[in-house]
């Protein structure tokens, strides 16, 4: 017998011959597994693995840095929220915040900050946020205390070079302190650094007039003069008069402050007169038209200029706004004696103001006449406020009571017109000896 399956595998003439030696089974899909290729070279494979490891290490390092950066950002935001928690102006805290968070009404924040006197704390508050900056900045610049040579020098450079006009309007009070023993700033060298501090051919100061300077406080201490070997800065001032005069010319414009308070203390902190409390001070003060209250230091009995006795500089403008003068009892006790130059200066003040008042009266009469009106002197006097200046005594003694001051005023008609003492309900200059009187 022949093979019964032979006819099944018989090929046609047009079909190419194919050799097949496999089993005679039907063709079905059989799953199979692809085996990895065998390593070609172990050394090359090690290098590949090392490169993969380095790449993975770099990725891990980048991820670690990203996590640290994110954590720092979260910590910074947490600190910021913590610093703001005290000044938050909400009625209730956020749910995510700690129960210990202090909340304040918004209107209390300026009140609380107004009691902060430490300048370093105020500077830190100005850097917290815009809201606190607007509250703390006026307070920071309101009362300027320059109690050393370095602070005075740096402040002058800042005002002259940076010229913070927006801050200048906040300055209400300036306190200056001078002492030859510790002075270590050379103004002449400072002017080389900042030409703006150099003298001008016109009247100039750090605060361009008109300014809002309410009060100027000047305190000096120590000796009136030192030797060249005692100077902190070679080639600078050895006389307190020159030192104070140089710097006050920078700080005070010809309008002057509204209030002035001056004082010189000796080595034992006792109040004494000084060379600058005479000609230097009164020369600057002769143009202070804004002056309202004057607290004078002890004025020298006489002013000496190269061995010659001279008077205090004359007043160049009327003190129309002046309402109070305080003098030391040591000066008042000299009144009526030879060389009491402060007494002559007060009489000159009254005379100068009286001349100015007469001129204003004549101008007013002429204006009314041009308008066809009649000047009524009684009505004019009644409409004016009391323009007399209070005389106040500091450290009163038995010879400088209010009664004694009133007797001095009553001695001339011009004094009675322009000066007055305390009346009932307002006692000025009263001391322990007033009760005895």
Protein backbone atom coordinates (compact mmCIF):
# COMPACT_ATOMS: atom_id res chain seq x y z
CA UNK A 1 0.00 0.00 0.00
CA UNK A 2 1.08 3.52 -0.61
CA UNK A 3 1.14 6.42 1.90
CA UNK A 4 -2.43 7.73 2.30
CA UNK A 5 -1.19 11.26 3.27
CA UNK A 6 1.15 11.63 0.37
CA UNK A 7 -1.47 13.31 -1.76
CA UNK A 8 -1.95 15.97 0.90
CA UNK A 9 1.62 17.18 0.64
CA UNK A 10 1.87 16.94 -3.10
CA UNK A 11 2.78 20.40 -4.39
CA UNK A 12 1.58 22.00 -7.49
CA UNK A 13 3.92 22.88 -10.27
CA UNK A 14 3.54 26.65 -9.68
CA UNK A 15 4.38 26.38 -5.95
CA UNK A 16 8.08 26.49 -5.08
CA UNK A 17 9.39 23.47 -3.25
CA UNK A 18 9.78 23.85 0.51
CA UNK A 19 11.63 21.41 2.69
CA UNK A 20 9.72 20.67 5.92
CA UNK A 21 11.02 18.11 8.36
CA UNK A 22 8.77 18.94 11.31
CA UNK A 23 6.08 16.77 12.83
CA UNK A 24 2.86 16.25 10.95
CA UNK A 25 0.65 18.19 13.38
CA UNK A 26 -1.84 21.00 12.89
CA UNK A 27 -0.42 24.58 13.15
CA UNK A 28 -1.51 26.31 16.38
CA UNK A 29 -0.40 29.47 18.40
CA UNK A 30 2.02 28.37 21.08
CA UNK A 31 3.10 30.99 23.71
CA UNK A 32 6.81 31.51 24.00
CA UNK A 33 9.27 33.40 26.29
CA UNK A 34 12.04 35.61 24.98
CA UNK A 35 15.21 34.82 26.83
CA UNK A 36 17.66 37.69 27.62
CA UNK A 37 20.71 37.94 25.56
CA UNK A 38 23.78 36.59 27.23
CA UNK A 39 26.36 39.14 28.56
CA UNK A 40 28.78 40.04 25.93
CA UNK A 41 31.47 41.38 28.33
CA UNK A 42 31.31 41.58 32.17
CA UNK A 43 33.63 44.64 32.24
CA UNK A 44 31.42 46.64 29.90
CA UNK A 45 28.33 45.64 31.90
CA UNK A 46 30.00 46.91 35.10
CA UNK A 47 30.65 50.30 33.46
CA UNK A 48 27.03 50.51 32.34
CA UNK A 49 25.85 49.72 35.86
CA UNK A 50 28.18 52.38 37.29
CA UNK A 51 26.78 55.01 34.93
CA UNK A 52 23.24 54.05 35.86
CA UNK A 53 24.14 54.34 39.55
CA UNK A 54 25.64 57.81 39.06
CA UNK A 55 22.57 59.00 37.16
CA UNK A 56 20.33 57.68 39.93
CA UNK A 57 22.47 59.40 42.58
CA UNK A 58 22.14 62.72 40.75
CA UNK A 59 18.40 62.31 40.56
CA UNK A 60 18.27 61.49 44.27
CA UNK A 61 20.42 64.57 45.10
CA UNK A 62 18.18 66.86 43.05
CA UNK A 63 15.13 65.46 44.78
CA UNK A 64 16.74 65.97 48.20
CA UNK A 65 17.62 69.60 47.42
CA UNK A 66 14.11 70.23 46.18
CA UNK A 67 12.69 68.85 49.42
CA UNK A 68 15.06 71.03 51.50
CA UNK A 69 14.13 74.11 49.47
CA UNK A 70 10.46 73.45 49.97
CA UNK A 71 10.98 72.90 53.70
CA UNK A 72 12.85 76.20 54.02
CA UNK A 73 10.03 77.98 52.25
CA UNK A 74 7.50 76.44 54.61
CA UNK A 75 9.63 77.36 57.65
CA UNK A 76 9.95 80.94 56.42
CA UNK A 77 6.22 81.27 55.93
CA UNK A 78 5.65 79.80 59.38
CA UNK A 79 7.98 82.35 60.98
CA UNK A 80 6.32 85.15 59.04
CA UNK A 81 2.90 84.06 60.23
CA UNK A 82 4.22 83.84 63.78
CA UNK A 83 5.69 87.37 63.65
CA UNK A 84 2.44 88.76 62.30
CA UNK A 85 0.24 86.95 64.78
CA UNK A 86 0.73 89.61 67.45
CA UNK A 87 -0.28 92.42 65.10
CA UNK A 88 -3.13 90.65 63.32
CA UNK A 89 -6.21 92.87 63.25
CA UNK A 90 -8.83 90.12 63.08
CA UNK A 91 -11.50 89.50 65.61
CA UNK A 92 -11.08 85.69 65.51
CA UNK A 93 -8.03 83.54 64.73
CA UNK A 94 -7.86 81.22 61.75
CA UNK A 95 -8.83 77.60 62.34
CA UNK A 96 -5.38 76.40 61.24
CA UNK A 97 -3.61 78.61 63.78
CA UNK A 98 -2.70 77.80 67.34
CA UNK A 99 -5.16 78.71 70.04
CA UNK A 100 -2.40 80.76 71.73
CA UNK A 101 -2.36 83.36 68.91
CA UNK A 102 -2.91 86.90 70.23
CA UNK A 103 -5.30 89.01 68.20
CA UNK A 104 -5.76 92.76 68.51
CA UNK A 105 -8.16 95.31 67.05
CA UNK A 106 -6.50 97.27 64.27
CA UNK A 107 -6.93 100.61 66.04
CA UNK A 108 -4.79 99.44 68.98
CA UNK A 109 -1.70 98.69 66.90
CA UNK A 110 -0.67 102.37 66.33
CA UNK A 111 -1.35 103.12 69.99
CA UNK A 112 0.90 100.29 71.17
CA UNK A 113 3.72 101.17 68.78
CA UNK A 114 3.54 104.83 69.84
CA UNK A 115 4.88 103.78 73.26
CA UNK A 116 7.96 102.11 71.75
CA UNK A 117 10.99 104.34 72.45
CA UNK A 118 13.85 102.03 71.46
CA UNK A 119 15.03 103.06 67.99
CA UNK A 120 16.40 99.61 67.10
CA UNK A 121 12.98 98.07 67.79
CA UNK A 122 11.28 100.71 65.66
CA UNK A 123 13.69 100.04 62.80
CA UNK A 124 12.85 96.32 62.95
CA UNK A 125 9.13 97.11 62.87
CA UNK A 126 9.57 99.16 59.69
CA UNK A 127 10.90 96.02 57.96
CA UNK A 128 8.04 93.66 58.88
CA UNK A 129 5.50 94.74 56.28
CA UNK A 130 4.08 97.81 54.58
CA UNK A 131 1.40 98.36 57.20
CA UNK A 132 3.82 98.44 60.14
CA UNK A 133 6.29 100.49 58.11
CA UNK A 134 3.70 103.24 57.68
CA UNK A 135 3.01 103.21 61.43
CA UNK A 136 6.57 102.91 62.77
CA UNK A 137 8.42 105.23 60.36
CA UNK A 138 6.86 108.51 61.62
CA UNK A 139 7.57 107.42 65.21
CA UNK A 140 11.16 106.43 64.38
CA UNK A 141 11.90 109.85 62.87
CA UNK A 142 9.76 111.88 65.27
CA UNK A 143 12.35 112.23 68.05
CA UNK A 144 15.95 112.10 66.82
CA UNK A 145 18.54 111.61 69.57
CA UNK A 146 22.14 112.13 68.48
CA UNK A 147 24.18 111.71 71.64
CA UNK A 148 27.61 111.01 70.17
CA UNK A 149 29.93 112.44 67.55
CA UNK A 150 29.56 109.40 65.29
CA UNK A 151 25.76 109.50 65.36
CA UNK A 152 25.75 113.22 64.52
CA UNK A 153 28.21 112.72 61.66
CA UNK A 154 26.36 109.77 60.10
CA UNK A 155 23.01 111.53 60.41
CA UNK A 156 24.34 114.59 58.59
CA UNK A 157 25.74 112.43 55.78
CA UNK A 158 22.45 110.56 55.48
CA UNK A 159 20.36 113.73 55.31
CA UNK A 160 22.76 115.47 52.92
CA UNK A 161 23.38 112.60 50.49
CA UNK A 162 20.28 110.41 50.63
CA UNK A 163 18.04 113.46 51.16
CA UNK A 164 14.99 111.57 52.48
CA UNK A 165 12.45 114.34 52.02
CA UNK A 166 9.60 111.99 52.88
CA UNK A 167 11.24 111.35 56.27
CA UNK A 168 12.16 114.96 56.97
CA UNK A 169 8.52 115.89 57.45
CA UNK A 170 8.28 113.41 60.33
CA UNK A 171 11.11 114.98 62.37
CA UNK A 172 9.65 116.96 65.26
CA UNK A 173 12.46 116.94 67.82
CA UNK A 174 16.25 116.75 67.65
CA UNK A 175 18.52 116.29 70.64
CA UNK A 176 22.25 116.95 70.26
CA UNK A 177 25.06 116.35 72.73
CA UNK A 178 28.61 117.72 72.50
CA UNK A 179 31.68 116.87 74.57
CA UNK A 180 35.21 117.79 73.54
CA UNK A 181 36.66 114.85 75.48
CA UNK A 182 34.93 112.25 73.31
CA UNK A 183 34.53 114.09 70.01
CA UNK A 184 36.09 112.16 67.12
CA UNK A 185 34.43 113.51 63.95
CA UNK A 186 36.17 116.09 61.79
CA UNK A 187 33.59 118.25 60.03
CA UNK A 188 36.13 119.54 57.52
CA UNK A 189 36.97 116.00 56.38
CA UNK A 190 33.28 115.17 56.34
CA UNK A 191 32.72 118.03 53.91
CA UNK A 192 35.28 116.49 51.56
CA UNK A 193 33.21 113.30 51.55
CA UNK A 194 29.94 115.17 51.13
CA UNK A 195 30.21 118.56 49.38
CA UNK A 196 26.55 119.14 50.31
CA UNK A 197 27.71 119.81 53.88
CA UNK A 198 30.00 122.62 52.77
CA UNK A 199 29.00 126.17 53.56
CA UNK A 200 26.93 127.95 50.96
CA UNK A 201 26.89 131.66 50.12
CA UNK A 202 23.29 131.66 51.33
CA UNK A 203 21.72 130.52 54.57
CA UNK A 204 21.45 126.76 54.49
CA UNK A 205 20.79 123.86 56.82
CA UNK A 206 19.91 120.17 56.69
CA UNK A 207 16.27 121.11 57.02
CA UNK A 208 15.20 123.42 54.27
CA UNK A 209 12.78 126.08 55.53
CA UNK A 210 10.02 126.05 56.29
CA UNK A 211 10.33 122.89 58.37
CA UNK A 212 8.28 121.27 61.09
CA UNK A 213 11.00 121.19 63.75
CA UNK A 214 9.13 121.53 67.01
CA UNK A 215 12.01 121.27 69.46
CA UNK A 216 15.79 121.53 69.47
CA UNK A 217 17.64 120.31 72.57
CA UNK A 218 21.36 121.04 72.91
CA UNK A 219 23.37 119.69 75.84
CA UNK A 220 27.10 120.18 76.25
CA UNK A 221 29.35 118.76 78.93
CA UNK A 222 32.95 118.66 80.01
CA UNK A 223 35.63 121.33 79.71
CA UNK A 224 35.35 124.52 77.68
CA UNK A 225 38.72 123.93 76.07
CA UNK A 226 41.19 121.07 75.71
CA UNK A 227 44.84 120.78 74.71
CA UNK A 228 46.01 119.52 71.34
CA UNK A 229 47.26 116.32 72.95
CA UNK A 230 43.74 115.59 74.25
CA UNK A 231 42.03 115.79 70.88
CA UNK A 232 40.35 112.65 69.55
CA UNK A 233 40.64 113.88 65.97
CA UNK A 234 43.88 115.62 65.00
CA UNK A 235 43.50 119.05 63.49
CA UNK A 236 39.97 119.69 64.73
CA UNK A 237 38.40 121.87 67.42
CA UNK A 238 39.85 122.43 70.88
CA UNK A 239 37.22 124.99 71.93
CA UNK A 240 33.62 124.06 72.77
CA UNK A 241 32.36 127.37 71.33
CA UNK A 242 33.71 126.52 67.85
CA UNK A 243 32.49 122.92 68.02
CA UNK A 244 28.90 123.84 68.83
CA UNK A 245 28.83 126.74 66.39
CA UNK A 246 30.02 124.56 63.48
CA UNK A 247 27.31 121.94 63.91
CA UNK A 248 24.37 124.14 64.91
CA UNK A 249 24.80 126.07 61.67
CA UNK A 250 24.14 122.79 59.85
CA UNK A 251 21.13 121.70 61.87
CA UNK A 252 19.17 124.93 62.26
CA UNK A 253 17.75 127.06 59.47
CA UNK A 254 17.10 130.76 59.85
CA UNK A 255 13.48 129.97 60.74
CA UNK A 256 14.70 128.13 63.80
CA UNK A 257 12.79 125.63 65.94
CA UNK A 258 9.56 126.40 67.74
CA UNK A 259 11.09 125.41 71.07
CA UNK A 260 14.71 125.59 72.15
CA UNK A 261 16.23 124.05 75.27
CA UNK A 262 19.93 124.48 75.99
CA UNK A 263 22.15 123.46 78.87
CA UNK A 264 25.81 123.03 79.76
CA UNK A 265 26.96 120.58 82.44
CA UNK A 266 30.36 120.51 84.08
CA UNK A 267 32.38 117.41 84.96
CA UNK A 268 30.09 116.79 87.94
CA UNK A 269 26.87 117.21 85.89
CA UNK A 270 26.10 120.55 87.53
CA UNK A 271 24.58 123.22 85.30
CA UNK A 272 27.03 125.97 84.46
CA UNK A 273 27.44 128.68 81.85
CA UNK A 274 29.58 128.08 78.78
CA UNK A 275 31.22 130.15 76.08
CA UNK A 276 28.73 128.93 73.45
CA UNK A 277 25.71 129.96 75.56
CA UNK A 278 26.60 133.57 74.89
CA UNK A 279 27.52 134.93 71.47
CA UNK A 280 27.25 131.63 69.58
CA UNK A 281 23.69 130.84 70.66
CA UNK A 282 22.31 134.36 70.52
CA UNK A 283 23.79 134.99 67.10
CA UNK A 284 21.91 131.99 65.70
CA UNK A 285 18.81 132.85 67.69
CA UNK A 286 18.67 136.40 66.38
CA UNK A 287 16.89 135.15 63.22
CA UNK A 288 14.58 132.48 64.64
CA UNK A 289 11.20 133.89 63.66
CA UNK A 290 9.43 130.60 64.47
CA UNK A 291 10.49 130.68 68.12
CA UNK A 292 7.62 130.14 70.57
CA UNK A 293 9.25 128.84 73.76
CA UNK A 294 12.81 129.58 74.86
CA UNK A 295 14.49 127.66 77.68
CA UNK A 296 17.83 129.42 77.97
CA UNK A 297 20.99 127.89 79.41
CA UNK A 298 22.94 129.85 81.97
CA UNK A 299 24.24 132.85 80.03
CA UNK A 300 27.72 134.20 80.86
CA UNK A 301 27.69 137.37 82.90
CA UNK A 302 29.78 139.02 80.21
CA UNK A 303 30.81 138.02 76.71
CA UNK A 304 34.47 138.38 75.88
CA UNK A 305 35.88 138.68 72.37
CA UNK A 306 39.69 138.80 72.23
CA UNK A 307 39.77 140.41 75.65
CA UNK A 308 37.04 142.96 74.87
CA UNK A 309 33.67 142.87 76.60
CA UNK A 310 30.87 142.87 74.03
CA UNK A 311 27.10 142.68 74.21
CA UNK A 312 24.98 139.80 73.05
CA UNK A 313 24.15 139.92 69.32
CA UNK A 314 21.15 142.09 68.50
CA UNK A 315 17.81 140.57 67.59
CA UNK A 316 17.32 140.87 63.84
CA UNK A 317 13.68 139.78 63.62
CA UNK A 318 10.64 140.32 65.85
CA UNK A 319 9.64 137.35 67.99
CA UNK A 320 5.95 137.58 67.18
CA UNK A 321 5.16 134.02 68.26
CA UNK A 322 7.24 133.94 71.44
CA UNK A 323 5.08 133.10 74.47
CA UNK A 324 7.51 131.87 77.15
CA UNK A 325 11.06 132.51 78.29
CA UNK A 326 12.73 130.47 81.00
CA UNK A 327 15.99 131.68 82.53
CA UNK A 328 18.13 130.29 85.33
CA UNK A 329 17.94 131.92 88.75
CA UNK A 330 21.71 132.57 88.57
CA UNK A 331 21.10 134.93 85.65
CA UNK A 332 18.13 136.65 87.27
CA UNK A 333 20.17 137.31 90.41
CA UNK A 334 22.58 139.32 88.22
CA UNK A 335 19.85 141.65 86.98
CA UNK A 336 20.40 145.24 88.00
CA UNK A 337 24.19 144.86 88.22
CA UNK A 338 26.90 145.92 85.82
CA UNK A 339 27.43 143.49 82.96
CA UNK A 340 24.04 141.75 83.17
CA UNK A 341 23.90 141.35 79.42
CA UNK A 342 20.87 139.01 79.47
CA UNK A 343 18.81 141.75 81.12
CA UNK A 344 19.76 144.17 78.35
CA UNK A 345 18.88 141.52 75.75
CA UNK A 346 15.38 141.09 77.25
CA UNK A 347 14.84 144.84 77.16
CA UNK A 348 15.99 144.83 73.54
CA UNK A 349 13.50 142.05 72.78
CA UNK A 350 10.64 144.11 74.24
CA UNK A 351 11.74 147.19 72.30
CA UNK A 352 12.08 145.28 69.04
CA UNK A 353 8.65 143.67 69.37
CA UNK A 354 7.10 147.01 70.28
CA UNK A 355 8.53 148.69 67.17
CA UNK A 356 7.17 145.85 65.05
CA UNK A 357 3.74 146.21 66.65
CA UNK A 358 3.69 149.95 65.97
CA UNK A 359 4.59 149.36 62.31
CA UNK A 360 1.80 146.81 61.96
CA UNK A 361 -0.63 149.25 63.54
CA UNK A 362 0.35 152.00 61.10
CA UNK A 363 -0.03 149.61 58.18
CA UNK A 364 -3.49 148.61 59.38
CA UNK A 365 -4.59 152.25 59.80
CA UNK A 366 -3.42 153.12 56.29
CA UNK A 367 -5.24 150.13 54.83
CA UNK A 368 -8.50 151.10 56.57
CA UNK A 369 -8.15 154.69 55.38
CA UNK A 370 -7.72 153.50 51.80
CA UNK A 371 -10.93 151.51 52.22
CA UNK A 372 -12.73 154.55 53.65
CA UNK A 373 -13.01 153.06 57.14
CA UNK A 374 -12.14 154.44 60.57
CA UNK A 375 -9.60 152.74 62.82
CA UNK A 376 -10.98 151.86 66.28
CA UNK A 377 -8.04 151.33 68.64
CA UNK A 378 -10.17 149.95 71.49
CA UNK A 379 -11.79 147.40 69.20
CA UNK A 380 -8.42 146.45 67.73
CA UNK A 381 -6.87 145.89 71.17
CA UNK A 382 -9.85 143.83 72.31
CA UNK A 383 -9.64 141.58 69.27
CA UNK A 384 -5.99 140.72 69.89
CA UNK A 385 -4.84 137.94 72.16
CA UNK A 386 -2.54 138.58 75.08
CA UNK A 387 0.85 138.89 73.36
CA UNK A 388 2.89 139.25 76.57
CA UNK A 389 5.67 136.75 77.21
CA UNK A 390 5.69 134.63 80.36
CA UNK A 391 8.84 135.00 82.44
CA UNK A 392 9.72 131.70 84.10
CA UNK A 393 12.59 131.01 86.54
CA UNK A 394 14.44 127.70 86.65
CA UNK A 395 15.76 126.57 90.05
CA UNK A 396 14.28 129.61 91.83
CA UNK A 397 15.94 131.01 94.92
CA UNK A 398 14.81 133.41 97.59
CA UNK A 399 15.85 136.32 95.41
CA UNK A 400 14.13 135.01 92.26
CA UNK A 401 10.55 134.34 93.33
CA UNK A 402 7.55 135.33 91.24
CA UNK A 403 7.23 138.43 93.39
CA UNK A 404 10.79 139.47 92.60
CA UNK A 405 10.24 138.83 88.90
CA UNK A 406 7.08 140.93 88.95
CA UNK A 407 8.96 143.77 90.62
CA UNK A 408 11.54 143.63 87.84
CA UNK A 409 8.79 143.77 85.20
CA UNK A 410 7.04 146.69 86.89
CA UNK A 411 10.25 148.74 86.80
CA UNK A 412 9.59 149.97 83.22
CA UNK A 413 6.50 150.53 81.10
CA UNK A 414 7.98 148.60 78.18
CA UNK A 415 8.55 145.53 80.36
CA UNK A 416 5.00 145.72 81.71
CA UNK A 417 3.72 145.81 78.15
CA UNK A 418 5.67 142.77 76.94
CA UNK A 419 6.32 140.51 79.95
CA UNK A 420 4.21 138.90 82.62
CA UNK A 421 4.54 136.40 85.44
CA UNK A 422 2.25 133.57 86.39
CA UNK A 423 -1.28 134.50 87.32
CA UNK A 424 -3.72 132.64 89.54
CA UNK A 425 -4.38 129.13 88.31
CA UNK A 426 -1.12 128.92 86.39
CA UNK A 427 2.02 129.17 88.46
CA UNK A 428 5.25 129.26 86.49
CA UNK A 429 8.66 129.29 88.10
CA UNK A 430 7.26 128.82 91.60
CA UNK A 431 9.69 127.28 94.06
CA UNK A 432 10.08 126.55 97.72
CA UNK A 433 10.74 130.20 98.53
CA UNK A 434 7.49 131.41 96.94
CA UNK A 435 5.40 129.99 99.76
CA UNK A 436 7.51 131.82 102.28
CA UNK A 437 7.03 135.03 100.36
